[in-house]
PDB file of all heavy atoms in Angstrom:
ATOM      1  N   THR A   1     -67.928 -64.101  44.060  1.00  0.00           N
ATOM      2  CA  THR A   1     -67.719 -65.526  43.808  1.00  0.00           C
ATOM      3  C   THR A   1     -66.911 -65.753  42.540  1.00  0.00           C
ATOM      4  O   THR A   1     -66.114 -66.688  42.465  1.00  0.00           O
ATOM      5  CB  THR A   1     -69.055 -66.285  43.725  1.00  0.00           C
ATOM      6  OG1 THR A   1     -69.886 -65.671  42.738  1.00  0.00           O
ATOM      7  CG2 THR A   1     -69.766 -66.297  45.068  1.00  0.00           C
ATOM      8  N   SER A   2     -67.102 -64.903  41.543  1.00  0.00           N
ATOM      9  CA  SER A   2     -66.320 -65.023  40.302  1.00  0.00           C
ATOM     10  C   SER A   2     -64.847 -64.732  40.576  1.00  0.00           C
ATOM     11  O   SER A   2     -63.968 -65.460  40.097  1.00  0.00           O
ATOM     12  CB  SER A   2     -66.846 -64.055  39.237  1.00  0.00           C
ATOM     13  OG  SER A   2     -68.139 -64.428  38.833  1.00  0.00           O
ATOM     14  N   ALA A   3     -64.574 -63.692  41.350  1.00  0.00           N
ATOM     15  CA  ALA A   3     -63.190 -63.361  41.700  1.00  0.00           C
ATOM     16  C   ALA A   3     -62.564 -64.484  42.516  1.00  0.00           C
ATOM     17  O   ALA A   3     -61.399 -64.850  42.307  1.00  0.00           O
ATOM     18  CB  ALA A   3     -63.138 -62.042  42.468  1.00  0.00           C
ATOM     19  N   GLU A   4     -63.321 -65.057  43.449  1.00  0.00           N
ATOM     20  CA  GLU A   4     -62.806 -66.170  44.257  1.00  0.00           C
ATOM     21  C   GLU A   4     -62.471 -67.370  43.386  1.00  0.00           C
ATOM     22  O   GLU A   4     -61.450 -68.029  43.599  1.00  0.00           O
ATOM     23  CB  GLU A   4     -63.825 -66.564  45.331  1.00  0.00           C
ATOM     24  CG  GLU A   4     -63.974 -65.551  46.436  1.00  0.00           C
ATOM     25  CD  GLU A   4     -65.102 -65.865  47.399  1.00  0.00           C
ATOM     26  OE1 GLU A   4     -65.993 -66.688  47.053  1.00  0.00           O
ATOM     27  OE2 GLU A   4     -65.114 -65.286  48.496  1.00  0.00           O
ATOM     28  N   ALA A   5     -63.325 -67.669  42.420  1.00  0.00           N
ATOM     29  CA  ALA A   5     -63.065 -68.811  41.534  1.00  0.00           C
ATOM     30  C   ALA A   5     -61.767 -68.599  40.754  1.00  0.00           C
ATOM     31  O   ALA A   5     -60.955 -69.523  40.640  1.00  0.00           O
ATOM     32  CB  ALA A   5     -64.235 -69.009  40.580  1.00  0.00           C
ATOM     33  N   LEU A   6     -61.573 -67.413  40.226  1.00  0.00           N
ATOM     34  CA  LEU A   6     -60.315 -67.123  39.515  1.00  0.00           C
ATOM     35  C   LEU A   6     -59.128 -67.234  40.453  1.00  0.00           C
ATOM     36  O   LEU A   6     -58.100 -67.818  40.096  1.00  0.00           O
ATOM     37  CB  LEU A   6     -60.363 -65.727  38.887  1.00  0.00           C
ATOM     38  CG  LEU A   6     -61.214 -65.588  37.635  1.00  0.00           C
ATOM     39  CD1 LEU A   6     -61.335 -64.122  37.237  1.00  0.00           C
ATOM     40  CD2 LEU A   6     -60.643 -66.409  36.490  1.00  0.00           C
ATOM     41  N   ALA A   7     -59.259 -66.687  41.657  1.00  0.00           N
ATOM     42  CA  ALA A   7     -58.164 -66.742  42.629  1.00  0.00           C
ATOM     43  C   ALA A   7     -57.815 -68.176  43.010  1.00  0.00           C
ATOM     44  O   ALA A   7     -56.657 -68.479  43.308  1.00  0.00           O
ATOM     45  CB  ALA A   7     -58.529 -65.938  43.885  1.00  0.00           C
ATOM     46  N   MET A   8     -58.803 -69.077  42.953  1.00  0.00           N
ATOM     47  CA  MET A   8     -58.567 -70.484  43.264  1.00  0.00           C
ATOM     48  C   MET A   8     -58.035 -71.252  42.060  1.00  0.00           C
ATOM     49  O   MET A   8     -57.844 -72.456  42.121  1.00  0.00           O
ATOM     50  CB  MET A   8     -59.843 -71.133  43.787  1.00  0.00           C
ATOM     51  CG  MET A   8     -60.237 -70.663  45.171  1.00  0.00           C
ATOM     52  SD  MET A   8     -61.638 -71.584  45.859  1.00  0.00           S
ATOM     53  CE  MET A   8     -63.011 -70.803  45.031  1.00  0.00           C
ATOM     54  N   GLY A   9     -57.822 -70.541  40.935  1.00  0.00           N
ATOM     55  CA  GLY A   9     -57.246 -71.178  39.754  1.00  0.00           C
ATOM     56  C   GLY A   9     -58.238 -71.970  38.926  1.00  0.00           C
ATOM     57  O   GLY A   9     -57.866 -72.911  38.240  1.00  0.00           O
ATOM     58  N   LYS A  10     -59.511 -71.585  38.972  1.00  0.00           N
ATOM     59  CA  LYS A  10     -60.541 -72.298  38.216  1.00  0.00           C
ATOM     60  C   LYS A  10     -60.872 -71.535  36.925  1.00  0.00           C
ATOM     61  O   LYS A  10     -60.595 -70.346  36.822  1.00  0.00           O
ATOM     62  CB  LYS A  10     -61.802 -72.437  39.060  1.00  0.00           C
ATOM     63  CG  LYS A  10     -61.570 -73.216  40.348  1.00  0.00           C
ATOM     64  CD  LYS A  10     -62.820 -73.338  41.165  1.00  0.00           C
ATOM     65  CE  LYS A  10     -62.594 -73.993  42.502  1.00  0.00           C
ATOM     66  NZ  LYS A  10     -61.948 -75.267  42.490  1.00  0.00           N
ATOM     67  N   TRP A  11     -61.495 -72.231  35.982  1.00  0.00           N
ATOM     68  CA  TRP A  11     -62.084 -71.558  34.834  1.00  0.00           C
ATOM     69  C   TRP A  11     -63.274 -70.765  35.349  1.00  0.00           C
ATOM     70  O   TRP A  11     -63.982 -71.206  36.259  1.00  0.00           O
ATOM     71  CB  TRP A  11     -62.613 -72.562  33.816  1.00  0.00           C
ATOM     72  CG  TRP A  11     -61.604 -73.307  33.020  1.00  0.00           C
ATOM     73  CD1 TRP A  11     -61.335 -74.650  33.095  1.00  0.00           C
ATOM     74  CD2 TRP A  11     -60.741 -72.803  31.996  1.00  0.00           C
ATOM     75  NE1 TRP A  11     -60.367 -74.984  32.181  1.00  0.00           N
ATOM     76  CE2 TRP A  11     -59.982 -73.868  31.487  1.00  0.00           C
ATOM     77  CE3 TRP A  11     -60.542 -71.525  31.446  1.00  0.00           C
ATOM     78  CZ2 TRP A  11     -59.040 -73.719  30.475  1.00  0.00           C
ATOM     79  CZ3 TRP A  11     -59.599 -71.378  30.438  1.00  0.00           C
ATOM     80  CH2 TRP A  11     -58.863 -72.466  29.963  1.00  0.00           C
ATOM     81  N   LEU A  12     -63.513 -69.616  34.744  1.00  0.00           N
ATOM     82  CA  LEU A  12     -64.696 -68.818  35.049  1.00  0.00           C
ATOM     83  C   LEU A  12     -65.471 -68.651  33.754  1.00  0.00           C
ATOM     84  O   LEU A  12     -64.942 -68.127  32.773  1.00  0.00           O
ATOM     85  CB  LEU A  12     -64.292 -67.446  35.608  1.00  0.00           C
ATOM     86  CG  LEU A  12     -65.427 -66.444  35.802  1.00  0.00           C
ATOM     87  CD1 LEU A  12     -66.427 -66.957  36.844  1.00  0.00           C
ATOM     88  CD2 LEU A  12     -64.874 -65.083  36.205  1.00  0.00           C
ATOM     89  N   LEU A  13     -66.699 -69.113  33.733  1.00  0.00           N
ATOM     90  CA  LEU A  13     -67.561 -69.024  32.556  1.00  0.00           C
ATOM     91  C   LEU A  13     -68.672 -68.032  32.857  1.00  0.00           C
ATOM     92  O   LEU A  13     -69.501 -68.272  33.743  1.00  0.00           O
ATOM     93  CB  LEU A  13     -68.127 -70.415  32.230  1.00  0.00           C
ATOM     94  CG  LEU A  13     -69.000 -70.562  31.011  1.00  0.00           C
ATOM     95  CD1 LEU A  13     -68.291 -70.097  29.742  1.00  0.00           C
ATOM     96  CD2 LEU A  13     -69.438 -72.010  30.852  1.00  0.00           C
ATOM     97  N   VAL A  14     -68.653 -66.891  32.140  1.00  0.00           N
ATOM     98  CA  VAL A  14     -69.604 -65.807  32.399  1.00  0.00           C
ATOM     99  C   VAL A  14     -70.122 -65.219  31.086  1.00  0.00           C
ATOM    100  O   VAL A  14     -69.449 -65.295  30.059  1.00  0.00           O
ATOM    101  CB  VAL A  14     -68.966 -64.673  33.237  1.00  0.00           C
ATOM    102  CG1 VAL A  14     -68.638 -65.130  34.644  1.00  0.00           C
ATOM    103  CG2 VAL A  14     -67.735 -64.097  32.555  1.00  0.00           C
ATOM    104  N   PRO A  15     -71.299 -64.595  31.142  1.00  0.00           N
ATOM    105  CA  PRO A  15     -71.815 -63.940  29.936  1.00  0.00           C
ATOM    106  C   PRO A  15     -71.102 -62.614  29.681  1.00  0.00           C
ATOM    107  O   PRO A  15     -70.585 -61.978  30.604  1.00  0.00           O
ATOM    108  CB  PRO A  15     -73.293 -63.696  30.270  1.00  0.00           C
ATOM    109  CG  PRO A  15     -73.345 -63.604  31.756  1.00  0.00           C
ATOM    110  CD  PRO A  15     -72.251 -64.521  32.258  1.00  0.00           C
ATOM    111  N   LYS A  16     -71.078 -62.210  28.419  1.00  0.00           N
ATOM    112  CA  LYS A  16     -70.569 -60.881  28.079  1.00  0.00           C
ATOM    113  C   LYS A  16     -71.578 -59.885  28.618  1.00  0.00           C
ATOM    114  O   LYS A  16     -72.741 -59.863  28.204  1.00  0.00           O
ATOM    115  CB  LYS A  16     -70.404 -60.725  26.585  1.00  0.00           C
ATOM    116  CG  LYS A  16     -69.816 -59.387  26.201  1.00  0.00           C
ATOM    117  CD  LYS A  16     -69.055 -59.496  24.910  1.00  0.00           C
ATOM    118  CE  LYS A  16     -68.334 -58.214  24.563  1.00  0.00           C
ATOM    119  NZ  LYS A  16     -67.145 -57.995  25.381  1.00  0.00           N
ATOM    120  N   HIS A  17     -71.125 -59.099  29.588  1.00  0.00           N
ATOM    121  CA  HIS A  17     -72.026 -58.189  30.292  1.00  0.00           C
ATOM    122  C   HIS A  17     -71.172 -57.179  31.052  1.00  0.00           C
ATOM    123  O   HIS A  17     -70.068 -57.524  31.492  1.00  0.00           O
ATOM    124  CB  HIS A  17     -72.904 -59.004  31.252  1.00  0.00           C
ATOM    125  CG  HIS A  17     -74.013 -58.216  31.843  1.00  0.00           C
ATOM    126  ND1 HIS A  17     -73.881 -57.523  33.019  1.00  0.00           N
ATOM    127  CD2 HIS A  17     -75.285 -57.991  31.412  1.00  0.00           C
ATOM    128  CE1 HIS A  17     -75.023 -56.913  33.305  1.00  0.00           C
ATOM    129  NE2 HIS A  17     -75.888 -57.183  32.330  1.00  0.00           N
ATOM    130  N   PRO A  18     -71.658 -55.947  31.234  1.00  0.00           N
ATOM    131  CA  PRO A  18     -70.860 -54.949  31.961  1.00  0.00           C
ATOM    132  C   PRO A  18     -70.390 -55.398  33.348  1.00  0.00           C
ATOM    133  O   PRO A  18     -69.296 -55.025  33.779  1.00  0.00           O
ATOM    134  CB  PRO A  18     -71.812 -53.752  32.059  1.00  0.00           C
ATOM    135  CG  PRO A  18     -72.684 -53.874  30.852  1.00  0.00           C
ATOM    136  CD  PRO A  18     -72.870 -55.368  30.664  1.00  0.00           C
ATOM    137  N   CYS A  19     -71.173 -56.235  34.038  1.00  0.00           N
ATOM    138  CA  CYS A  19     -70.756 -56.668  35.380  1.00  0.00           C
ATOM    139  C   CYS A  19     -69.561 -57.619  35.327  1.00  0.00           C
ATOM    140  O   CYS A  19     -68.956 -57.905  36.368  1.00  0.00           O
ATOM    141  CB  CYS A  19     -71.916 -57.279  36.157  1.00  0.00           C
ATOM    142  SG  CYS A  19     -72.521 -58.858  35.558  1.00  0.00           S
ATOM    143  N   ASN A  20     -69.188 -58.087  34.145  1.00  0.00           N
ATOM    144  CA  ASN A  20     -68.057 -59.017  34.018  1.00  0.00           C
ATOM    145  C   ASN A  20     -66.844 -58.415  33.315  1.00  0.00           C
ATOM    146  O   ASN A  20     -65.873 -59.128  33.060  1.00  0.00           O
ATOM    147  CB  ASN A  20     -68.516 -60.271  33.269  1.00  0.00           C
ATOM    148  CG  ASN A  20     -69.507 -61.064  34.078  1.00  0.00           C
ATOM    149  OD1 ASN A  20     -69.356 -61.231  35.280  1.00  0.00           O
ATOM    150  ND2 ASN A  20     -70.551 -61.531  33.419  1.00  0.00           N
ATOM    151  N   VAL A  21     -66.876 -57.127  33.014  1.00  0.00           N
ATOM    152  CA  VAL A  21     -65.774 -56.489  32.293  1.00  0.00           C
ATOM    153  C   VAL A  21     -64.447 -56.674  33.025  1.00  0.00           C
ATOM    154  O   VAL A  21     -63.416 -56.938  32.401  1.00  0.00           O
ATOM    155  CB  VAL A  21     -66.073 -54.991  32.048  1.00  0.00           C
ATOM    156  CG1 VAL A  21     -64.844 -54.245  31.560  1.00  0.00           C
ATOM    157  CG2 VAL A  21     -67.213 -54.847  31.057  1.00  0.00           C
ATOM    158  N   PHE A  22     -64.458 -56.571  34.341  1.00  0.00           N
ATOM    159  CA  PHE A  22     -63.224 -56.721  35.116  1.00  0.00           C
ATOM    160  C   PHE A  22     -62.531 -58.046  34.825  1.00  0.00           C
ATOM    161  O   PHE A  22     -61.307 -58.119  34.784  1.00  0.00           O
ATOM    162  CB  PHE A  22     -63.526 -56.621  36.618  1.00  0.00           C
ATOM    163  CG  PHE A  22     -62.346 -56.948  37.496  1.00  0.00           C
ATOM    164  CD1 PHE A  22     -61.326 -56.034  37.700  1.00  0.00           C
ATOM    165  CD2 PHE A  22     -62.245 -58.189  38.114  1.00  0.00           C
ATOM    166  CE1 PHE A  22     -60.237 -56.337  38.493  1.00  0.00           C
ATOM    167  CE2 PHE A  22     -61.157 -58.506  38.906  1.00  0.00           C
ATOM    168  CZ  PHE A  22     -60.152 -57.571  39.107  1.00  0.00           C
ATOM    169  N   PHE A  23     -63.284 -59.098  34.589  1.00  0.00           N
ATOM    170  CA  PHE A  23     -62.724 -60.438  34.431  1.00  0.00           C
ATOM    171  C   PHE A  23     -62.229 -60.751  33.017  1.00  0.00           C
ATOM    172  O   PHE A  23     -61.525 -61.733  32.804  1.00  0.00           O
ATOM    173  CB  PHE A  23     -63.754 -61.492  34.852  1.00  0.00           C
ATOM    174  CG  PHE A  23     -64.257 -61.295  36.248  1.00  0.00           C
ATOM    175  CD1 PHE A  23     -65.569 -60.932  36.481  1.00  0.00           C
ATOM    176  CD2 PHE A  23     -63.409 -61.442  37.332  1.00  0.00           C
ATOM    177  CE1 PHE A  23     -66.029 -60.738  37.776  1.00  0.00           C
ATOM    178  CE2 PHE A  23     -63.851 -61.238  38.628  1.00  0.00           C
ATOM    179  CZ  PHE A  23     -65.171 -60.888  38.848  1.00  0.00           C
ATOM    180  N   GLU A  24     -62.595 -59.938  32.046  1.00  0.00           N
ATOM    181  CA  GLU A  24     -62.301 -60.232  30.643  1.00  0.00           C
ATOM    182  C   GLU A  24     -60.822 -60.453  30.352  1.00  0.00           C
ATOM    183  O   GLU A  24     -60.479 -61.223  29.470  1.00  0.00           O
ATOM    184  CB  GLU A  24     -62.849 -59.128  29.735  1.00  0.00           C
ATOM    185  CG  GLU A  24     -64.351 -59.141  29.634  1.00  0.00           C
ATOM    186  CD  GLU A  24     -64.894 -58.042  28.733  1.00  0.00           C
ATOM    187  OE1 GLU A  24     -64.104 -57.236  28.181  1.00  0.00           O
ATOM    188  OE2 GLU A  24     -66.122 -57.986  28.585  1.00  0.00           O
ATOM    189  N   SER A  25     -59.936 -59.782  31.074  1.00  0.00           N
ATOM    190  CA  SER A  25     -58.497 -59.891  30.779  1.00  0.00           C
ATOM    191  C   SER A  25     -57.843 -61.134  31.389  1.00  0.00           C
ATOM    192  O   SER A  25     -56.681 -61.420  31.100  1.00  0.00           O
ATOM    193  CB  SER A  25     -57.768 -58.632  31.265  1.00  0.00           C
ATOM    194  OG  SER A  25     -57.823 -58.554  32.678  1.00  0.00           O
ATOM    195  N   PHE A  26     -58.567 -61.881  32.209  1.00  0.00           N
ATOM    196  CA  PHE A  26     -57.994 -63.070  32.844  1.00  0.00           C
ATOM    197  C   PHE A  26     -57.974 -64.237  31.855  1.00  0.00           C
ATOM    198  O   PHE A  26     -58.961 -64.508  31.177  1.00  0.00           O
ATOM    199  CB  PHE A  26     -58.793 -63.457  34.091  1.00  0.00           C
ATOM    200  CG  PHE A  26     -58.564 -62.537  35.253  1.00  0.00           C
ATOM    201  CD1 PHE A  26     -59.263 -61.350  35.363  1.00  0.00           C
ATOM    202  CD2 PHE A  26     -57.626 -62.860  36.229  1.00  0.00           C
ATOM    203  CE1 PHE A  26     -59.046 -60.501  36.436  1.00  0.00           C
ATOM    204  CE2 PHE A  26     -57.398 -62.008  37.294  1.00  0.00           C
ATOM    205  CZ  PHE A  26     -58.113 -60.822  37.400  1.00  0.00           C
ATOM    206  N   SER A  27     -56.855 -64.936  31.826  1.00  0.00           N
ATOM    207  CA  SER A  27     -56.704 -66.044  30.873  1.00  0.00           C
ATOM    208  C   SER A  27     -57.680 -67.189  31.135  1.00  0.00           C
ATOM    209  O   SER A  27     -58.004 -67.946  30.224  1.00  0.00           O
ATOM    210  CB  SER A  27     -55.265 -66.565  30.888  1.00  0.00           C
ATOM    211  OG  SER A  27     -54.906 -67.011  32.181  1.00  0.00           O
ATOM    212  N   ASN A  28     -58.167 -67.310  32.359  1.00  0.00           N
ATOM    213  CA  ASN A  28     -59.113 -68.384  32.692  1.00  0.00           C
ATOM    214  C   ASN A  28     -60.573 -67.939  32.621  1.00  0.00           C
ATOM    215  O   ASN A  28     -61.461 -68.682  33.023  1.00  0.00           O
ATOM    216  CB  ASN A  28     -58.817 -68.954  34.083  1.00  0.00           C
ATOM    217  CG  ASN A  28     -57.539 -69.750  34.103  1.00  0.00           C
ATOM    218  OD1 ASN A  28     -57.105 -70.260  33.076  1.00  0.00           O
ATOM    219  ND2 ASN A  28     -56.918 -69.848  35.259  1.00  0.00           N
ATOM    220  N   CYS A  29     -60.802 -66.731  32.134  1.00  0.00           N
ATOM    221  CA  CYS A  29     -62.166 -66.246  31.997  1.00  0.00           C
ATOM    222  C   CYS A  29     -62.671 -66.557  30.592  1.00  0.00           C
ATOM    223  O   CYS A  29     -62.063 -66.146  29.597  1.00  0.00           O
ATOM    224  CB  CYS A  29     -62.245 -64.748  32.265  1.00  0.00           C
ATOM    225  SG  CYS A  29     -63.937 -64.123  32.181  1.00  0.00           S
ATOM    226  N   LEU A  30     -63.747 -67.289  30.524  1.00  0.00           N
ATOM    227  CA  LEU A  30     -64.377 -67.669  29.259  1.00  0.00           C
ATOM    228  C   LEU A  30     -65.709 -66.922  29.155  1.00  0.00           C
ATOM    229  O   LEU A  30     -66.584 -67.105  30.007  1.00  0.00           O
ATOM    230  CB  LEU A  30     -64.600 -69.175  29.208  1.00  0.00           C
ATOM    231  CG  LEU A  30     -63.341 -70.031  29.444  1.00  0.00           C
ATOM    232  CD1 LEU A  30     -63.709 -71.495  29.574  1.00  0.00           C
ATOM    233  CD2 LEU A  30     -62.338 -69.810  28.330  1.00  0.00           C
ATOM    234  N   ILE A  31     -65.838 -66.099  28.129  1.00  0.00           N
ATOM    235  CA  ILE A  31     -67.008 -65.236  27.998  1.00  0.00           C
ATOM    236  C   ILE A  31     -67.851 -65.677  26.806  1.00  0.00           C
ATOM    237  O   ILE A  31     -67.334 -65.854  25.708  1.00  0.00           O
ATOM    238  CB  ILE A  31     -66.573 -63.775  27.833  1.00  0.00           C
ATOM    239  CG1 ILE A  31     -65.793 -63.328  29.072  1.00  0.00           C
ATOM    240  CG2 ILE A  31     -67.776 -62.874  27.607  1.00  0.00           C
ATOM    241  CD1 ILE A  31     -65.202 -61.958  28.972  1.00  0.00           C
ATOM    242  N   TYR A  32     -69.122 -65.866  27.054  1.00  0.00           N
ATOM    243  CA  TYR A  32     -70.030 -66.276  25.991  1.00  0.00           C
ATOM    244  C   TYR A  32     -71.068 -65.183  25.720  1.00  0.00           C
ATOM    245  O   TYR A  32     -71.373 -64.373  26.595  1.00  0.00           O
ATOM    246  CB  TYR A  32     -70.725 -67.591  26.342  1.00  0.00           C
ATOM    247  CG  TYR A  32     -71.585 -67.526  27.581  1.00  0.00           C
ATOM    248  CD1 TYR A  32     -72.923 -67.168  27.492  1.00  0.00           C
ATOM    249  CD2 TYR A  32     -71.061 -67.823  28.831  1.00  0.00           C
ATOM    250  CE1 TYR A  32     -73.718 -67.099  28.618  1.00  0.00           C
ATOM    251  CE2 TYR A  32     -71.859 -67.763  29.960  1.00  0.00           C
ATOM    252  CZ  TYR A  32     -73.171 -67.401  29.854  1.00  0.00           C
ATOM    253  OH  TYR A  32     -73.961 -67.328  30.968  1.00  0.00           O
ATOM    254  N   GLU A  33     -71.570 -65.187  24.496  1.00  0.00           N
ATOM    255  CA  GLU A  33     -72.604 -64.233  24.100  1.00  0.00           C
ATOM    256  C   GLU A  33     -73.924 -64.909  23.749  1.00  0.00           C
ATOM    257  O   GLU A  33     -74.932 -64.230  23.572  1.00  0.00           O
ATOM    258  CB  GLU A  33     -72.121 -63.388  22.920  1.00  0.00           C
ATOM    259  CG  GLU A  33     -70.932 -62.506  23.277  1.00  0.00           C
ATOM    260  CD  GLU A  33     -70.559 -61.555  22.163  1.00  0.00           C
ATOM    261  OE1 GLU A  33     -71.472 -60.873  21.626  1.00  0.00           O
ATOM    262  OE2 GLU A  33     -69.372 -61.485  21.832  1.00  0.00           O
ATOM    263  N   ASN A  34     -73.922 -66.236  23.644  1.00  0.00           N
ATOM    264  CA  ASN A  34     -75.158 -66.952  23.302  1.00  0.00           C
ATOM    265  C   ASN A  34     -75.050 -68.389  23.812  1.00  0.00           C
ATOM    266  O   ASN A  34     -74.008 -68.806  24.326  1.00  0.00           O
ATOM    267  CB  ASN A  34     -75.407 -66.914  21.794  1.00  0.00           C
ATOM    268  CG  ASN A  34     -74.242 -67.460  20.994  1.00  0.00           C
ATOM    269  OD1 ASN A  34     -73.731 -68.550  21.267  1.00  0.00           O
ATOM    270  ND2 ASN A  34     -73.811 -66.702  19.994  1.00  0.00           N
ATOM    271  N   GLY A  35     -76.138 -69.124  23.647  1.00  0.00           N
ATOM    272  CA  GLY A  35     -76.191 -70.494  24.148  1.00  0.00           C
ATOM    273  C   GLY A  35     -75.187 -71.424  23.496  1.00  0.00           C
ATOM    274  O   GLY A  35     -74.639 -72.315  24.147  1.00  0.00           O
TER     275      GLY A  35
END
């Protein structure tokens, strides 16, 4: 679902976590570490 959201040109908001490493290089990926 995260990959689909990026492919649809949306912002992706995800936690800093190993399962999200692939998305870190995308300009629309916003990574947070806390609330």
